[in-house]
N, C-alpha and C. Protein backbone atom coordinates (compact mmCIF):
# COMPACT_ATOMS: atom_id res chain seq x y z
N MET A 1 -8.46 -27.61 19.79
CA MET A 1 -8.85 -26.29 19.35
C MET A 1 -7.60 -25.43 19.17
N ARG A 2 -7.57 -24.68 18.10
CA ARG A 2 -6.46 -23.77 17.84
C ARG A 2 -6.94 -22.35 18.11
N LEU A 3 -6.08 -21.58 18.73
CA LEU A 3 -6.39 -20.20 19.00
C LEU A 3 -5.11 -19.40 18.90
N SER A 4 -5.08 -18.45 17.99
CA SER A 4 -3.92 -17.57 17.87
C SER A 4 -4.36 -16.29 17.19
N GLY A 5 -3.55 -15.26 17.39
CA GLY A 5 -3.85 -13.97 16.79
C GLY A 5 -4.87 -13.17 17.57
N PRO A 6 -5.61 -12.29 16.88
CA PRO A 6 -6.56 -11.42 17.56
C PRO A 6 -7.66 -12.22 18.27
N ALA A 7 -8.00 -11.76 19.48
CA ALA A 7 -9.04 -12.42 20.27
C ALA A 7 -9.64 -11.40 21.22
N LEU A 8 -10.65 -11.83 21.96
CA LEU A 8 -11.23 -10.99 23.01
C LEU A 8 -11.04 -11.67 24.35
N ARG A 9 -10.78 -10.85 25.37
CA ARG A 9 -10.72 -11.33 26.74
C ARG A 9 -11.90 -10.71 27.47
N VAL A 10 -12.70 -11.55 28.09
CA VAL A 10 -13.77 -11.05 28.94
C VAL A 10 -13.36 -11.34 30.38
N THR A 11 -13.44 -10.32 31.21
CA THR A 11 -13.11 -10.45 32.62
C THR A 11 -14.35 -10.09 33.43
N ILE A 12 -14.73 -11.00 34.32
CA ILE A 12 -15.89 -10.79 35.17
C ILE A 12 -15.37 -10.67 36.60
N VAL A 13 -15.67 -9.57 37.26
CA VAL A 13 -15.24 -9.37 38.64
C VAL A 13 -16.49 -9.37 39.51
N THR A 14 -16.50 -10.25 40.49
CA THR A 14 -17.64 -10.39 41.38
C THR A 14 -17.13 -10.84 42.75
N GLY A 15 -18.02 -11.15 43.66
CA GLY A 15 -17.61 -11.59 44.99
C GLY A 15 -17.60 -13.11 45.09
N GLU A 16 -16.70 -13.65 45.91
CA GLU A 16 -16.60 -15.10 46.02
C GLU A 16 -17.84 -15.72 46.65
N ASN A 17 -18.63 -14.94 47.37
CA ASN A 17 -19.84 -15.47 48.00
C ASN A 17 -21.07 -15.36 47.10
N ASP A 18 -20.92 -14.75 45.91
CA ASP A 18 -22.06 -14.63 44.99
C ASP A 18 -22.42 -16.02 44.47
N THR A 19 -23.73 -16.28 44.37
CA THR A 19 -24.19 -17.61 43.96
C THR A 19 -25.20 -17.52 42.83
N TRP A 20 -25.36 -18.65 42.17
CA TRP A 20 -26.40 -18.85 41.16
C TRP A 20 -27.05 -20.19 41.48
N HIS A 21 -28.28 -20.15 41.95
CA HIS A 21 -29.01 -21.36 42.33
C HIS A 21 -28.19 -22.24 43.29
N HIS A 22 -27.70 -21.64 44.35
CA HIS A 22 -26.96 -22.31 45.44
C HIS A 22 -25.59 -22.83 45.01
N ARG A 23 -25.07 -22.38 43.91
CA ARG A 23 -23.73 -22.78 43.43
C ARG A 23 -22.90 -21.50 43.32
N PRO A 24 -21.60 -21.57 43.62
CA PRO A 24 -20.79 -20.35 43.46
C PRO A 24 -20.92 -19.80 42.03
N LEU A 25 -21.13 -18.50 41.92
CA LEU A 25 -21.31 -17.87 40.62
C LEU A 25 -20.11 -18.11 39.71
N TYR A 26 -18.90 -18.00 40.27
CA TYR A 26 -17.71 -18.22 39.44
C TYR A 26 -17.69 -19.63 38.86
N SER A 27 -18.14 -20.61 39.63
CA SER A 27 -18.18 -21.98 39.14
C SER A 27 -19.22 -22.15 38.03
N GLU A 28 -20.36 -21.51 38.19
CA GLU A 28 -21.40 -21.57 37.15
C GLU A 28 -20.89 -20.96 35.85
N ILE A 29 -20.18 -19.83 35.94
CA ILE A 29 -19.64 -19.19 34.74
C ILE A 29 -18.62 -20.09 34.06
N VAL A 30 -17.71 -20.68 34.83
CA VAL A 30 -16.69 -21.58 34.26
C VAL A 30 -17.35 -22.76 33.57
N HIS A 31 -18.33 -23.39 34.22
CA HIS A 31 -18.97 -24.56 33.63
C HIS A 31 -19.78 -24.20 32.38
N ARG A 32 -20.41 -23.04 32.39
CA ARG A 32 -21.13 -22.60 31.18
C ARG A 32 -20.17 -22.27 30.05
N ALA A 33 -19.02 -21.68 30.37
CA ALA A 33 -18.01 -21.39 29.35
C ALA A 33 -17.52 -22.68 28.71
N ARG A 34 -17.30 -23.70 29.52
CA ARG A 34 -16.86 -25.00 28.99
C ARG A 34 -17.95 -25.62 28.12
N ALA A 35 -19.20 -25.56 28.58
CA ALA A 35 -20.31 -26.11 27.80
C ALA A 35 -20.49 -25.37 26.48
N ALA A 36 -20.15 -24.08 26.47
CA ALA A 36 -20.26 -23.28 25.25
C ALA A 36 -19.09 -23.52 24.30
N GLY A 37 -18.11 -24.32 24.73
CA GLY A 37 -16.97 -24.63 23.87
C GLY A 37 -15.92 -23.56 23.81
N LEU A 38 -15.91 -22.67 24.79
CA LEU A 38 -14.89 -21.62 24.79
C LEU A 38 -13.51 -22.22 25.08
N ALA A 39 -12.48 -21.50 24.70
CA ALA A 39 -11.11 -22.01 24.77
C ALA A 39 -10.65 -22.29 26.20
N GLY A 40 -11.14 -21.55 27.18
CA GLY A 40 -10.73 -21.77 28.56
C GLY A 40 -11.24 -20.66 29.45
N ALA A 41 -11.23 -20.93 30.74
CA ALA A 41 -11.63 -19.94 31.74
C ALA A 41 -10.82 -20.19 33.00
N SER A 42 -10.42 -19.13 33.65
CA SER A 42 -9.67 -19.23 34.90
C SER A 42 -10.28 -18.29 35.92
N VAL A 43 -10.23 -18.71 37.19
CA VAL A 43 -10.75 -17.90 38.29
C VAL A 43 -9.58 -17.49 39.18
N PHE A 44 -9.51 -16.20 39.50
CA PHE A 44 -8.45 -15.67 40.35
C PHE A 44 -9.10 -15.02 41.57
N ARG A 45 -8.63 -15.38 42.74
CA ARG A 45 -9.17 -14.84 43.99
C ARG A 45 -8.33 -13.64 44.41
N GLY A 46 -9.00 -12.54 44.67
CA GLY A 46 -8.32 -11.33 45.10
C GLY A 46 -8.09 -11.33 46.61
N ILE A 47 -7.19 -10.50 47.06
CA ILE A 47 -6.93 -10.40 48.48
C ILE A 47 -7.55 -9.14 49.09
N GLU A 48 -7.92 -8.19 48.22
CA GLU A 48 -8.55 -6.98 48.71
C GLU A 48 -9.13 -6.23 47.53
N GLY A 49 -10.24 -5.54 47.74
CA GLY A 49 -10.82 -4.75 46.67
C GLY A 49 -12.14 -4.12 47.09
N PHE A 50 -12.65 -3.23 46.22
CA PHE A 50 -13.98 -2.65 46.41
C PHE A 50 -14.56 -2.40 45.03
N GLY A 51 -15.88 -2.30 45.00
CA GLY A 51 -16.57 -2.08 43.73
C GLY A 51 -17.58 -0.96 43.86
N ALA A 52 -18.68 -1.09 43.13
CA ALA A 52 -19.69 -0.03 43.06
C ALA A 52 -20.28 0.31 44.42
N SER A 53 -20.31 -0.65 45.35
CA SER A 53 -20.86 -0.38 46.67
C SER A 53 -19.88 0.38 47.57
N SER A 54 -18.62 0.48 47.17
CA SER A 54 -17.55 1.14 47.93
C SER A 54 -17.22 0.45 49.24
N ILE A 55 -17.66 -0.79 49.44
CA ILE A 55 -17.30 -1.56 50.62
C ILE A 55 -15.99 -2.28 50.34
N VAL A 56 -14.99 -2.08 51.19
CA VAL A 56 -13.70 -2.73 51.01
C VAL A 56 -13.78 -4.16 51.55
N HIS A 57 -13.43 -5.11 50.71
CA HIS A 57 -13.38 -6.52 51.08
C HIS A 57 -11.90 -6.89 51.16
N THR A 58 -11.50 -7.54 52.25
CA THR A 58 -10.08 -7.84 52.43
C THR A 58 -9.89 -9.18 53.10
N SER A 59 -8.72 -9.76 52.91
CA SER A 59 -8.40 -11.04 53.55
C SER A 59 -7.63 -10.84 54.85
N ARG A 60 -7.40 -9.58 55.23
CA ARG A 60 -6.67 -9.32 56.47
C ARG A 60 -7.40 -9.90 57.66
N LEU A 61 -6.67 -10.42 58.59
CA LEU A 61 -7.21 -11.17 59.72
C LEU A 61 -8.29 -10.45 60.52
N LEU A 62 -8.08 -9.19 60.80
CA LEU A 62 -9.01 -8.47 61.68
C LEU A 62 -10.19 -7.86 60.95
N SER A 63 -10.28 -8.10 59.65
CA SER A 63 -11.36 -7.53 58.87
C SER A 63 -12.66 -8.31 59.09
N LEU A 64 -13.77 -7.60 59.01
CA LEU A 64 -15.07 -8.25 59.14
C LEU A 64 -15.54 -8.84 57.81
N SER A 65 -14.94 -8.44 56.71
CA SER A 65 -15.38 -8.89 55.40
C SER A 65 -14.68 -10.16 54.97
N GLU A 66 -15.45 -11.10 54.47
CA GLU A 66 -14.87 -12.33 53.94
C GLU A 66 -15.26 -12.53 52.48
N ASP A 67 -16.10 -11.67 51.93
CA ASP A 67 -16.56 -11.81 50.55
C ASP A 67 -15.51 -11.20 49.62
N LEU A 68 -14.42 -11.93 49.42
CA LEU A 68 -13.31 -11.41 48.63
C LEU A 68 -13.65 -11.35 47.16
N PRO A 69 -12.98 -10.45 46.42
CA PRO A 69 -13.23 -10.37 44.99
C PRO A 69 -12.66 -11.57 44.26
N VAL A 70 -13.36 -11.98 43.20
CA VAL A 70 -12.85 -13.00 42.29
C VAL A 70 -12.96 -12.45 40.88
N ALA A 71 -11.99 -12.82 40.04
CA ALA A 71 -12.01 -12.44 38.63
C ALA A 71 -12.02 -13.71 37.80
N ILE A 72 -12.97 -13.81 36.90
CA ILE A 72 -13.05 -14.93 35.98
C ILE A 72 -12.59 -14.38 34.64
N VAL A 73 -11.58 -15.00 34.04
CA VAL A 73 -11.01 -14.53 32.79
C VAL A 73 -11.22 -15.59 31.71
N ILE A 74 -11.78 -15.16 30.59
CA ILE A 74 -12.03 -16.04 29.45
C ILE A 74 -11.46 -15.37 28.22
N VAL A 75 -10.71 -16.13 27.41
CA VAL A 75 -10.16 -15.61 26.15
C VAL A 75 -10.56 -16.55 25.03
N ASP A 76 -11.09 -15.98 23.96
CA ASP A 76 -11.43 -16.77 22.77
C ASP A 76 -11.62 -15.79 21.61
N SER A 77 -12.02 -16.31 20.47
CA SER A 77 -12.25 -15.44 19.31
C SER A 77 -13.40 -14.48 19.62
N GLU A 78 -13.41 -13.36 18.92
CA GLU A 78 -14.42 -12.34 19.19
C GLU A 78 -15.83 -12.89 19.04
N ASP A 79 -16.10 -13.64 17.98
CA ASP A 79 -17.47 -14.12 17.78
C ASP A 79 -17.91 -15.09 18.87
N ARG A 80 -17.01 -15.94 19.35
CA ARG A 80 -17.36 -16.89 20.40
C ARG A 80 -17.60 -16.19 21.74
N VAL A 81 -16.76 -15.20 22.06
CA VAL A 81 -16.94 -14.45 23.31
C VAL A 81 -18.24 -13.65 23.25
N ARG A 82 -18.48 -12.98 22.15
CA ARG A 82 -19.71 -12.17 22.04
C ARG A 82 -20.96 -13.05 22.10
N ALA A 83 -20.88 -14.26 21.57
CA ALA A 83 -22.02 -15.18 21.64
C ALA A 83 -22.29 -15.61 23.08
N PHE A 84 -21.26 -15.58 23.93
CA PHE A 84 -21.39 -15.98 25.33
C PHE A 84 -21.92 -14.85 26.22
N LEU A 85 -21.82 -13.61 25.79
CA LEU A 85 -22.20 -12.46 26.61
C LEU A 85 -23.65 -12.51 27.12
N PRO A 86 -24.63 -12.97 26.36
CA PRO A 86 -25.99 -13.04 26.91
C PRO A 86 -26.09 -13.92 28.16
N GLN A 87 -25.29 -14.96 28.24
CA GLN A 87 -25.29 -15.78 29.46
C GLN A 87 -24.77 -14.98 30.65
N LEU A 88 -23.74 -14.16 30.40
CA LEU A 88 -23.21 -13.33 31.48
C LEU A 88 -24.23 -12.29 31.91
N ASP A 89 -25.00 -11.75 30.95
CA ASP A 89 -26.05 -10.79 31.30
C ASP A 89 -27.06 -11.43 32.25
N GLU A 90 -27.34 -12.71 32.03
CA GLU A 90 -28.27 -13.43 32.89
C GLU A 90 -27.68 -13.69 34.27
N LEU A 91 -26.40 -14.03 34.33
CA LEU A 91 -25.77 -14.48 35.57
C LEU A 91 -25.27 -13.36 36.48
N VAL A 92 -24.71 -12.33 35.91
CA VAL A 92 -24.02 -11.30 36.71
C VAL A 92 -24.98 -10.17 37.02
N THR A 93 -25.51 -10.19 38.25
CA THR A 93 -26.43 -9.14 38.68
C THR A 93 -25.72 -8.07 39.51
N GLU A 94 -24.55 -8.40 40.06
CA GLU A 94 -23.69 -7.44 40.76
C GLU A 94 -22.27 -7.74 40.34
N GLY A 95 -21.52 -6.71 39.99
CA GLY A 95 -20.13 -6.92 39.61
C GLY A 95 -19.77 -6.11 38.40
N LEU A 96 -18.76 -6.58 37.69
CA LEU A 96 -18.20 -5.86 36.55
C LEU A 96 -17.88 -6.86 35.45
N VAL A 97 -18.25 -6.54 34.22
CA VAL A 97 -17.90 -7.36 33.07
C VAL A 97 -17.21 -6.43 32.07
N ILE A 98 -15.97 -6.79 31.69
CA ILE A 98 -15.24 -5.95 30.74
C ILE A 98 -14.70 -6.80 29.59
N LEU A 99 -14.54 -6.17 28.45
CA LEU A 99 -13.96 -6.81 27.27
C LEU A 99 -12.69 -6.07 26.87
N ASP A 100 -11.67 -6.83 26.51
CA ASP A 100 -10.43 -6.26 26.00
C ASP A 100 -10.05 -6.99 24.73
N ALA A 101 -9.55 -6.24 23.75
CA ALA A 101 -8.95 -6.87 22.58
C ALA A 101 -7.56 -7.35 22.98
N VAL A 102 -7.24 -8.59 22.67
CA VAL A 102 -5.93 -9.16 23.00
C VAL A 102 -5.39 -9.89 21.79
N GLU A 103 -4.12 -10.23 21.86
CA GLU A 103 -3.49 -11.05 20.83
C GLU A 103 -2.96 -12.31 21.50
N VAL A 104 -3.42 -13.47 21.02
CA VAL A 104 -2.97 -14.74 21.58
C VAL A 104 -1.66 -15.12 20.90
N ILE A 105 -0.65 -15.33 21.71
CA ILE A 105 0.66 -15.73 21.20
C ILE A 105 0.79 -17.25 21.26
N THR A 106 0.45 -17.83 22.40
CA THR A 106 0.56 -19.28 22.59
C THR A 106 -0.68 -19.78 23.29
N TYR A 107 -1.24 -20.87 22.78
CA TYR A 107 -2.37 -21.56 23.42
C TYR A 107 -2.16 -23.04 23.21
N THR A 108 -1.63 -23.70 24.22
CA THR A 108 -1.36 -25.14 24.12
C THR A 108 -1.79 -25.83 25.39
N GLY A 109 -2.13 -27.09 25.27
CA GLY A 109 -2.52 -27.88 26.42
C GLY A 109 -1.51 -28.99 26.65
N ARG A 110 -1.75 -29.77 27.68
CA ARG A 110 -0.91 -30.93 27.95
C ARG A 110 -1.15 -32.01 26.93
N LYS A 111 -0.12 -32.74 26.63
CA LYS A 111 -0.28 -33.89 25.76
C LYS A 111 -0.93 -35.02 26.55
N PRO A 112 -1.79 -35.81 25.93
CA PRO A 112 -2.42 -36.94 26.65
C PRO A 112 -1.38 -37.80 27.34
N GLY A 113 -1.65 -38.16 28.60
CA GLY A 113 -0.74 -39.01 29.35
C GLY A 113 0.41 -38.28 30.02
N ALA A 114 0.51 -36.95 29.81
CA ALA A 114 1.62 -36.20 30.40
C ALA A 114 1.30 -35.74 31.80
């Protein structure tokens, strides 16, 4: 797949303990993005944050919270990302979904056997 030039980035911010049918929500989103043929998806685990509930989640040792924030980032062409949004509407019941216009400079994978 080739990807360059104007694109959309969708970022989903949710909690690492959020689930979809007993599976981590972030994993369900990544697998659905792959099944939809999107260019790629990455999950980033936060060390501290708060959202609409105003509860601070942190990785600090003495904290009672363990539900750390995770961000799932997907970049692809605008039409492919927008076609995927209805799945996110179904999956994300708590959290944040944002879209940004981006420009892809480089999108390359490993060569087979490397």
